[in-house]
Amino acid sequence: MNRSDSLYEIFDRQREFMGELVEHDRLPEFPVDLTTKPGQRIVKEMIWNLVEEMAEASFVLKNRQHKITDDRTLDFAHFLEELGDAFAFFVEVCILSGIGPTELFAEYCRKNETVRQRLRDGY
């Protein structure tokens, strides 16, 4: 697979899965209207699902700032699984909001250049 196709395939797979959820009345038709209360509520719910998955990933990491011990154990497969779950919810938020891989990539590049310029400027 061409690396440039990966993001598109991810969005296609998630969109297909979301279509199955719509068929089973588990998700509304998408994209949702973000100017409406129901549209905002479903997107906020998905964002919280994303946050929960990121928290689960953080719980796999055992070392805390206040701990004296240095726990070197790591269930990397579990960590990766939680990140994958979070990423799926992130893509779902994008799709629900009407954002596709082209728009997401363009915004990422724009913002990446902004923060790089801030670093160069001593921000």
C-alpha atoms as a PDB file:
ATOM      1  CA  MET A   1       0.000   0.000   0.000  1.00  0.00           C
ATOM      2  CA  ASN A   2       1.162   3.481  -0.801  1.00  0.00           C
ATOM      3  CA  ARG A   3       1.783   5.444   2.406  1.00  0.00           C
ATOM      4  CA  SER A   4      -0.211   8.373   1.051  1.00  0.00           C
ATOM      5  CA  ASP A   5      -3.280   6.122   0.794  1.00  0.00           C
ATOM      6  CA  SER A   6      -3.218   5.036   4.445  1.00  0.00           C
ATOM      7  CA  LEU A   7      -5.185   7.966   5.855  1.00  0.00           C
ATOM      8  CA  TYR A   8      -7.799   7.571   3.129  1.00  0.00           C
ATOM      9  CA  GLU A   9      -8.136   3.861   3.857  1.00  0.00           C
ATOM     10  CA  ILE A  10      -8.548   4.583   7.574  1.00  0.00           C
ATOM     11  CA  PHE A  11     -11.336   7.059   6.849  1.00  0.00           C
ATOM     12  CA  ASP A  12     -12.981   4.643   4.391  1.00  0.00           C
ATOM     13  CA  ARG A  13     -12.902   1.778   6.897  1.00  0.00           C
ATOM     14  CA  GLN A  14     -14.280   3.937   9.703  1.00  0.00           C
ATOM     15  CA  ARG A  15     -16.979   5.387   7.435  1.00  0.00           C
ATOM     16  CA  GLU A  16     -17.993   1.850   6.429  1.00  0.00           C
ATOM     17  CA  PHE A  17     -18.192   0.769  10.082  1.00  0.00           C
ATOM     18  CA  MET A  18     -20.185   3.874  10.943  1.00  0.00           C
ATOM     19  CA  GLY A  19     -22.593   3.008   8.125  1.00  0.00           C
ATOM     20  CA  GLU A  20     -23.204  -0.339   9.805  1.00  0.00           C
ATOM     21  CA  LEU A  21     -23.883   1.477  13.081  1.00  0.00           C
ATOM     22  CA  VAL A  22     -26.424   3.696  11.285  1.00  0.00           C
ATOM     23  CA  GLU A  23     -28.152   0.585   9.882  1.00  0.00           C
ATOM     24  CA  HIS A  24     -28.498  -0.750  13.434  1.00  0.00           C
ATOM     25  CA  ASP A  25     -29.769   2.600  14.815  1.00  0.00           C
ATOM     26  CA  ARG A  26     -26.632   3.022  16.924  1.00  0.00           C
ATOM     27  CA  LEU A  27     -25.511   6.237  15.211  1.00  0.00           C
ATOM     28  CA  PRO A  28     -27.304   9.018  13.309  1.00  0.00           C
ATOM     29  CA  GLU A  29     -26.803   9.670   9.625  1.00  0.00           C
ATOM     30  CA  PHE A  30     -23.592  11.589   9.066  1.00  0.00           C
ATOM     31  CA  PRO A  31     -22.236  14.142   8.777  1.00  0.00           C
ATOM     32  CA  VAL A  32     -24.318  15.696  11.526  1.00  0.00           C
ATOM     33  CA  ASP A  33     -25.341  19.339  11.620  1.00  0.00           C
ATOM     34  CA  LEU A  34     -22.997  20.932  14.129  1.00  0.00           C
ATOM     35  CA  THR A  35     -25.304  23.940  14.444  1.00  0.00           C
ATOM     36  CA  THR A  36     -27.918  21.754  16.157  1.00  0.00           C
ATOM     37  CA  LYS A  37     -28.075  20.491  19.715  1.00  0.00           C
ATOM     38  CA  PRO A  38     -28.344  16.805  18.666  1.00  0.00           C
ATOM     39  CA  GLY A  39     -25.392  17.209  16.289  1.00  0.00           C
ATOM     40  CA  GLN A  40     -23.232  18.794  18.943  1.00  0.00           C
ATOM     41  CA  ARG A  41     -24.266  16.242  21.556  1.00  0.00           C
ATOM     42  CA  ILE A  42     -23.253  13.221  19.472  1.00  0.00           C
ATOM     43  CA  VAL A  43     -19.900  14.782  18.563  1.00  0.00           C
ATOM     44  CA  LYS A  44     -19.241  15.700  22.202  1.00  0.00           C
ATOM     45  CA  GLU A  45     -20.058  12.124  23.216  1.00  0.00           C
ATOM     46  CA  MET A  46     -17.557  10.782  20.675  1.00  0.00           C
ATOM     47  CA  ILE A  47     -14.926  13.243  21.893  1.00  0.00           C
ATOM     48  CA  TRP A  48     -15.418  11.950  25.441  1.00  0.00           C
ATOM     49  CA  ASN A  49     -15.079   8.387  24.138  1.00  0.00           C
ATOM     50  CA  LEU A  50     -11.763   9.487  22.627  1.00  0.00           C
ATOM     51  CA  VAL A  51     -10.678  11.016  25.936  1.00  0.00           C
ATOM     52  CA  GLU A  52     -11.607   7.820  27.793  1.00  0.00           C
ATOM     53  CA  GLU A  53      -9.509   5.715  25.423  1.00  0.00           C
ATOM     54  CA  MET A  54      -6.537   8.055  25.846  1.00  0.00           C
ATOM     55  CA  ALA A  55      -6.948   7.771  29.623  1.00  0.00           C
ATOM     56  CA  GLU A  56      -6.965   3.979  29.300  1.00  0.00           C
ATOM     57  CA  ALA A  57      -3.716   4.211  27.310  1.00  0.00           C
ATOM     58  CA  SER A  58      -2.188   6.368  30.034  1.00  0.00           C
ATOM     59  CA  PHE A  59      -3.160   3.834  32.712  1.00  0.00           C
ATOM     60  CA  VAL A  60      -1.025   1.215  30.959  1.00  0.00           C
ATOM     61  CA  LEU A  61       1.998   3.401  31.730  1.00  0.00           C
ATOM     62  CA  LYS A  62       2.840   2.659  35.356  1.00  0.00           C
ATOM     63  CA  ASN A  63       5.337   5.372  36.262  1.00  0.00           C
ATOM     64  CA  ARG A  64       3.934   8.507  37.850  1.00  0.00           C
ATOM     65  CA  GLN A  65       5.796  11.670  38.691  1.00  0.00           C
ATOM     66  CA  HIS A  66       5.402  11.106  42.441  1.00  0.00           C
ATOM     67  CA  LYS A  67       6.550   7.443  42.433  1.00  0.00           C
ATOM     68  CA  ILE A  68       9.988   6.638  43.750  1.00  0.00           C
ATOM     69  CA  THR A  69      10.120   3.224  42.081  1.00  0.00           C
ATOM     70  CA  ASP A  70      10.975   2.821  38.423  1.00  0.00           C
ATOM     71  CA  ASP A  71       8.529   0.290  36.963  1.00  0.00           C
ATOM     72  CA  ARG A  72       9.990  -0.920  33.640  1.00  0.00           C
ATOM     73  CA  THR A  73       7.127  -3.304  32.830  1.00  0.00           C
ATOM     74  CA  LEU A  74       4.953  -2.355  29.911  1.00  0.00           C
ATOM     75  CA  ASP A  75       2.146  -4.153  28.113  1.00  0.00           C
ATOM     76  CA  PHE A  76       2.910  -2.450  24.802  1.00  0.00           C
ATOM     77  CA  ALA A  77       0.223  -4.402  22.916  1.00  0.00           C
ATOM     78  CA  HIS A  78      -2.404  -3.095  25.351  1.00  0.00           C
ATOM     79  CA  PHE A  79      -1.015   0.457  25.055  1.00  0.00           C
ATOM     80  CA  LEU A  80      -1.156   0.254  21.260  1.00  0.00           C
ATOM     81  CA  GLU A  81      -4.692  -1.160  21.359  1.00  0.00           C
ATOM     82  CA  GLU A  82      -5.922   1.789  23.433  1.00  0.00           C
ATOM     83  CA  LEU A  83      -4.248   4.253  21.077  1.00  0.00           C
ATOM     84  CA  GLY A  84      -5.919   2.484  18.151  1.00  0.00           C
ATOM     85  CA  ASP A  85      -9.293   2.780  19.883  1.00  0.00           C
ATOM     86  CA  ALA A  86      -8.694   6.486  20.515  1.00  0.00           C
ATOM     87  CA  PHE A  87      -7.659   7.036  16.909  1.00  0.00           C
ATOM     88  CA  ALA A  88     -10.833   5.326  15.664  1.00  0.00           C
ATOM     89  CA  PHE A  89     -12.930   7.686  17.794  1.00  0.00           C
ATOM     90  CA  PHE A  90     -10.903  10.660  16.505  1.00  0.00           C
ATOM     91  CA  VAL A  91     -11.593   9.651  12.908  1.00  0.00           C
ATOM     92  CA  GLU A  92     -15.259   9.143  13.813  1.00  0.00           C
ATOM     93  CA  VAL A  93     -15.421  12.688  15.221  1.00  0.00           C
ATOM     94  CA  CYS A  94     -13.971  13.969  11.963  1.00  0.00           C
ATOM     95  CA  ILE A  95     -16.454  12.028   9.832  1.00  0.00           C
ATOM     96  CA  LEU A  96     -19.416  13.040  11.990  1.00  0.00           C
ATOM     97  CA  SER A  97     -18.278  16.659  11.608  1.00  0.00           C
ATOM     98  CA  GLY A  98     -17.927  16.426   7.835  1.00  0.00           C
ATOM     99  CA  ILE A  99     -14.135  16.530   7.874  1.00  0.00           C
ATOM    100  CA  GLY A 100     -12.354  14.194   5.485  1.00  0.00           C
ATOM    101  CA  PRO A 101      -8.728  13.112   5.181  1.00  0.00           C
ATOM    102  CA  THR A 102      -7.879  15.885   2.700  1.00  0.00           C
ATOM    103  CA  GLU A 103      -9.171  18.640   4.999  1.00  0.00           C
ATOM    104  CA  LEU A 104      -7.588  17.054   8.066  1.00  0.00           C
ATOM    105  CA  PHE A 105      -4.211  16.738   6.349  1.00  0.00           C
ATOM    106  CA  ALA A 106      -4.334  20.343   5.116  1.00  0.00           C
ATOM    107  CA  GLU A 107      -5.190  21.629   8.595  1.00  0.00           C
ATOM    108  CA  TYR A 108      -2.482  19.483  10.167  1.00  0.00           C
ATOM    109  CA  CYS A 109       0.100  20.908   7.746  1.00  0.00           C
ATOM    110  CA  ARG A 110      -1.096  24.476   8.342  1.00  0.00           C
ATOM    111  CA  LYS A 111      -0.954  24.124  12.117  1.00  0.00           C
ATOM    112  CA  ASN A 112       2.344  22.226  12.013  1.00  0.00           C
ATOM    113  CA  GLU A 113       3.924  25.115  10.125  1.00  0.00           C
ATOM    114  CA  THR A 114       2.438  27.589  12.620  1.00  0.00           C
ATOM    115  CA  VAL A 115       3.946  25.841  15.645  1.00  0.00           C
ATOM    116  CA  ARG A 116       7.271  25.355  13.866  1.00  0.00           C
ATOM    117  CA  GLN A 117       7.386  29.056  13.118  1.00  0.00           C
ATOM    118  CA  ARG A 118       6.603  29.804  16.776  1.00  0.00           C
ATOM    119  CA  LEU A 119       9.536  27.597  17.800  1.00  0.00           C
ATOM    120  CA  ARG A 120      11.863  29.374  15.355  1.00  0.00           C
ATOM    121  CA  ASP A 121      10.631  32.723  16.707  1.00  0.00           C
ATOM    122  CA  GLY A 122      11.379  31.682  20.289  1.00  0.00           C
ATOM    123  CA  TYR A 123       7.729  31.428  21.377  1.00  0.00           C
END
